[in-house]
Each structure stands twice: as structure tokens, then as C-alpha cells.
Amino acid sequence: MSAGGELIFLFCGFIAVVTAVLTVSLRTPLRAAVALLGHILSLAGLYLTLHAHLLAAIQLMVYAGAVVVLFIFVIMLIGPGAEPKTKTKWLTLRVGAASLMAMVGATLAFGVSSIDRPYVDIDQCRGAAAECGQFGGVDALSDAIFRQSAVPFELVSVLLLVAIIAAVAVARGHSPAEKKAIEARRAAQGGAAGGEGA
């Protein structure tokens, strides 16, 4: 990797760490979603520096283009009243959580830094070399998803479908007819309980 590529990699990595911390530490949900968007963009930059162009495109289309938009839609649906209004006094808990995250991050960084993968220059990939099907390419990604992990991939898709249906059911509320039926049922139960008490 050239010196410029290393600088871009370090810059994107620094932005990824900062925005990840902001995502979990900001108090307002909308600002946390914007920090998550910045984190997703910085991860796409990291993928680009690693010559994983397909992963970078998927990162932008799926996460930045769909998931963050869904988060912002849900935040706007809930409204600003859901934002926390009281200040947390658990400074010790926050410092402990930040220290734990820093230790886990440092452990992962030192563990991954010892891995030495073969590097393929992007110019070598123009001749359709076999090494270019490695990390981040269409062949490697499709093999990992549809051959090695086909069942977990389908289970995750079913889980996401169930979560979407549940979110729609919770967010839609009750229609006027359903509210009247619920009130009538409560009144009937209250009358039955009153009759038993007498």
C-alpha cells in the first residue's frame, strides 16, 4: 500500500472509532443516527483502501442507503418526546464501560495486527488473476454467503422479516373500532369484577 493509501486508511480508521463512540454515547437518537451514518461511510472508506470494492458498495447501499434511513424514519415516527430528559449521574458506570470498550478494542487491534495476508496490487487484477478473487470480491463474498453460510443467511433474513412485521404492528396503534372494542371488553371485565365483589 502506498503512503497516501496508508494515510487514508488511518484517517478512515480514526473517523470510524470516533463515530462509533459517538453513536453509543450521544444522548439524542437523531444525532446518534447521524454518527452511525458517519461510521458506515468511514467503514466503506476502509473497504476501499483494502481493494474490497464490492463490500464498500454494499456497505453504502444497504447500510447507509437503507438501514440508517429506516432508523431516522423510526426516530421521526416516535418523535422528540422519546429523547431522554434527565441527566445520568452514573459517571463511574460510564468510565467503566469506556475502559472496557477501549480494552476490548485494543485487544482486537493487537490480535488482528499480527495477521499477514497476501497483498494483491490493484494493477495485477486487470488480467483476471486468481488472487483477485480473495477478500472483498464477488467470488469470495458469494462463496462465503451462499455456500458456506447459506442456512444462517436465510435465518437472518427470516428474523429481519419478523422484526419488520412486529415493528409495523407496534407502530400502527389501534383503529377507532379496535379502541371501542377494547374499551367495551374492559368495561365488561370491570362490571364482572364488580359483580363478584358485591
Protein backbone atom coordinates (compact mmCIF):
# COMPACT_ATOMS: atom_id res chain seq x y z
CA MET A 1 0.00 0.00 0.00
CA SER A 2 1.33 3.44 -0.86
CA ALA A 3 1.95 6.17 1.69
CA GLY A 4 -1.19 8.00 0.58
CA GLY A 5 -3.24 4.81 0.89
CA GLU A 6 -1.93 4.25 4.41
CA LEU A 7 -2.82 7.82 5.38
CA ILE A 8 -6.36 7.38 4.03
CA PHE A 9 -6.63 4.05 5.87
CA LEU A 10 -5.50 5.61 9.17
CA PHE A 11 -7.82 8.60 8.68
CA CYS A 12 -10.84 6.37 7.96
CA GLY A 13 -9.95 4.16 10.92
CA PHE A 14 -9.74 7.17 13.25
CA ILE A 15 -13.08 8.50 11.99
CA ALA A 16 -14.62 5.02 12.41
CA VAL A 17 -13.52 4.82 16.06
CA VAL A 18 -14.68 8.36 16.88
CA THR A 19 -18.08 7.97 15.23
CA ALA A 20 -18.60 4.54 16.84
CA VAL A 21 -18.03 6.06 20.28
CA LEU A 22 -20.35 8.96 19.42
CA THR A 23 -23.05 6.54 18.25
CA VAL A 24 -23.28 4.86 21.65
CA SER A 25 -22.60 7.93 23.78
CA LEU A 26 -24.78 10.69 22.31
CA ARG A 27 -28.00 11.34 24.21
CA THR A 28 -30.29 12.28 21.31
CA PRO A 29 -31.29 9.46 18.95
CA LEU A 30 -31.11 11.61 15.82
CA ARG A 31 -27.52 12.67 16.48
CA ALA A 32 -26.61 9.05 17.24
CA ALA A 33 -28.09 8.01 13.87
CA VAL A 34 -26.04 10.70 12.08
CA ALA A 35 -22.92 9.45 13.90
CA LEU A 36 -23.81 5.93 12.76
CA LEU A 37 -24.01 7.21 9.19
CA GLY A 38 -20.51 8.69 9.56
CA HIS A 39 -19.28 5.37 10.90
CA ILE A 40 -20.75 3.49 7.94
CA LEU A 41 -19.13 5.90 5.48
CA SER A 42 -15.74 5.52 7.18
CA LEU A 43 -16.06 1.72 7.02
CA ALA A 44 -16.75 2.00 3.30
CA GLY A 45 -13.55 4.05 3.01
CA LEU A 46 -11.65 1.32 4.86
CA TYR A 47 -13.01 -1.29 2.45
CA LEU A 48 -11.92 0.82 -0.50
CA THR A 49 -8.37 1.08 0.80
CA LEU A 50 -8.34 -2.73 1.11
CA HIS A 51 -9.47 -3.08 -2.54
CA ALA A 52 -12.79 -4.59 -1.43
CA HIS A 53 -14.90 -2.50 -3.78
CA LEU A 54 -17.94 -4.78 -3.67
CA LEU A 55 -18.05 -4.67 0.13
CA ALA A 56 -17.73 -0.87 0.05
CA ALA A 57 -20.64 -0.60 -2.41
CA ILE A 58 -22.79 -2.98 -0.35
CA GLN A 59 -21.91 -1.01 2.79
CA LEU A 60 -23.13 2.20 1.19
CA MET A 61 -26.25 0.78 -0.48
CA VAL A 62 -27.53 -1.45 2.32
CA TYR A 63 -26.47 0.32 5.48
CA ALA A 64 -26.20 3.99 4.54
CA GLY A 65 -28.98 3.82 1.98
CA ALA A 66 -31.49 1.66 3.84
CA VAL A 67 -30.73 0.93 7.49
CA VAL A 68 -29.85 4.48 8.57
CA VAL A 69 -32.85 5.85 6.66
CA LEU A 70 -35.04 3.31 8.50
CA PHE A 71 -33.55 4.37 11.85
CA ILE A 72 -34.21 8.04 11.11
CA PHE A 73 -37.75 7.21 9.97
CA VAL A 74 -38.43 5.37 13.26
CA ILE A 75 -36.92 8.23 15.28
CA MET A 76 -39.14 10.72 13.48
CA LEU A 77 -42.15 8.42 13.98
CA ILE A 78 -41.53 8.18 17.72
CA GLY A 79 -40.98 11.92 17.98
CA PRO A 80 -38.71 14.14 20.05
CA GLY A 81 -40.59 13.27 23.25
CA ALA A 82 -38.76 9.96 23.37
CA GLU A 83 -35.41 11.68 23.85
CA PRO A 84 -34.03 11.35 27.38
CA LYS A 85 -34.63 14.42 29.54
CA THR A 86 -32.83 13.52 32.75
CA LYS A 87 -29.06 13.59 33.11
CA THR A 88 -27.44 10.33 34.12
CA LYS A 89 -25.37 10.53 37.29
CA TRP A 90 -23.62 7.22 36.79
CA LEU A 91 -20.18 8.62 35.95
CA THR A 92 -18.45 5.53 37.32
CA LEU A 93 -20.54 3.29 35.08
CA ARG A 94 -19.71 5.37 32.02
CA VAL A 95 -15.99 5.41 32.78
CA GLY A 96 -16.04 1.65 33.38
CA ALA A 97 -17.90 1.00 30.12
CA ALA A 98 -15.50 3.25 28.18
CA SER A 99 -12.49 1.50 29.74
CA LEU A 100 -13.93 -1.92 28.88
CA MET A 101 -14.57 -0.86 25.27
CA ALA A 102 -11.03 0.52 24.99
CA MET A 103 -9.51 -2.70 26.36
CA VAL A 104 -11.57 -4.92 24.04
CA GLY A 105 -10.74 -2.68 21.06
CA ALA A 106 -7.02 -2.70 21.87
CA THR A 107 -7.05 -6.48 22.28
CA LEU A 108 -8.74 -6.94 18.91
CA ALA A 109 -6.41 -4.45 17.23
CA PHE A 110 -3.27 -6.17 18.54
CA GLY A 111 -4.68 -9.59 17.69
CA VAL A 112 -5.53 -8.64 14.12
CA SER A 113 -2.30 -6.73 13.54
CA SER A 114 -0.25 -9.95 13.62
CA ILE A 115 -2.23 -11.45 10.71
CA ASP A 116 -0.27 -11.15 7.47
CA ARG A 117 -2.45 -11.66 4.41
CA PRO A 118 -1.02 -11.65 0.89
CA TYR A 119 -1.50 -8.26 -0.71
CA VAL A 120 -2.55 -8.03 -4.33
CA ASP A 121 -1.95 -4.76 -6.11
CA ILE A 122 -4.97 -3.42 -7.97
CA ASP A 123 -2.97 -3.30 -11.22
CA GLN A 124 -2.48 -7.08 -11.08
CA CYS A 125 -6.26 -7.60 -11.04
CA ARG A 126 -6.74 -6.30 -14.56
CA GLY A 127 -5.51 -9.57 -16.02
CA ALA A 128 -8.18 -11.50 -14.02
CA ALA A 129 -5.57 -13.13 -11.81
CA ALA A 130 -6.76 -15.88 -9.48
CA GLU A 131 -5.58 -13.95 -6.41
CA CYS A 132 -8.06 -11.18 -7.16
CA GLY A 133 -10.99 -13.37 -6.11
CA GLN A 134 -9.95 -13.01 -2.50
CA PHE A 135 -11.31 -10.71 0.22
CA GLY A 136 -13.98 -8.31 -0.95
CA GLY A 137 -14.50 -9.69 -4.43
CA VAL A 138 -17.72 -11.05 -5.92
CA ASP A 139 -16.46 -14.65 -5.95
CA ALA A 140 -15.22 -14.62 -2.35
CA LEU A 141 -18.32 -12.90 -0.98
CA SER A 142 -20.79 -15.09 -2.87
CA ASP A 143 -18.90 -18.23 -1.80
CA ALA A 144 -18.94 -17.11 1.85
CA ILE A 145 -22.65 -16.22 1.84
CA PHE A 146 -24.30 -18.73 -0.47
CA ARG A 147 -22.12 -21.82 0.01
CA GLN A 148 -20.53 -21.71 3.44
CA SER A 149 -23.29 -19.83 5.29
CA ALA A 150 -26.48 -20.36 3.28
CA VAL A 151 -28.65 -21.51 6.19
CA PRO A 152 -27.62 -18.72 8.65
CA PHE A 153 -28.08 -16.18 5.83
CA GLU A 154 -31.67 -17.33 5.26
CA LEU A 155 -32.38 -17.48 9.01
CA VAL A 156 -31.22 -13.88 9.40
CA SER A 157 -33.49 -12.81 6.54
CA VAL A 158 -36.49 -14.52 8.21
CA LEU A 159 -35.58 -12.89 11.54
CA LEU A 160 -35.44 -9.45 9.90
CA LEU A 161 -38.82 -10.05 8.25
CA VAL A 162 -40.38 -10.95 11.61
CA ALA A 163 -38.80 -7.86 13.20
CA ILE A 164 -40.21 -5.60 10.47
CA ILE A 165 -43.71 -7.08 10.86
CA ALA A 166 -43.53 -6.64 14.65
CA ALA A 167 -42.31 -3.03 14.31
CA VAL A 168 -45.17 -2.19 11.94
CA ALA A 169 -47.69 -3.85 14.27
CA VAL A 170 -46.38 -1.92 17.28
CA ALA A 171 -46.12 1.43 15.48
CA ARG A 172 -49.51 1.41 13.79
CA GLY A 173 -51.59 1.64 17.01
CA HIS A 174 -55.30 0.84 17.19
CA SER A 175 -58.07 1.90 14.85
CA PRO A 176 -61.16 3.63 16.34
CA ALA A 177 -63.18 0.40 16.04
CA GLU A 178 -60.47 -1.56 17.83
CA LYS A 179 -60.32 1.08 20.60
CA LYS A 180 -64.10 0.81 21.14
CA ALA A 181 -63.87 -2.99 21.29
CA ILE A 182 -61.04 -2.81 23.85
CA GLU A 183 -62.97 -0.30 25.99
CA ALA A 184 -66.11 -2.45 25.82
CA ARG A 185 -64.12 -5.53 26.86
CA ARG A 186 -62.54 -3.63 29.78
CA ALA A 187 -65.93 -2.32 30.86
CA ALA A 188 -67.36 -5.85 30.73
CA GLN A 189 -64.46 -7.20 32.76
CA GLY A 190 -64.80 -4.34 35.25
CA GLY A 191 -68.53 -4.98 35.59
CA ALA A 192 -67.95 -8.69 36.11
CA ALA A 193 -65.30 -7.98 38.75
CA GLY A 194 -67.65 -5.51 40.47
CA GLY A 195 -70.47 -8.08 40.49
CA GLU A 196 -68.21 -10.70 42.06
CA GLY A 197 -67.06 -8.23 44.72
CA ALA A 198 -70.67 -7.47 45.69
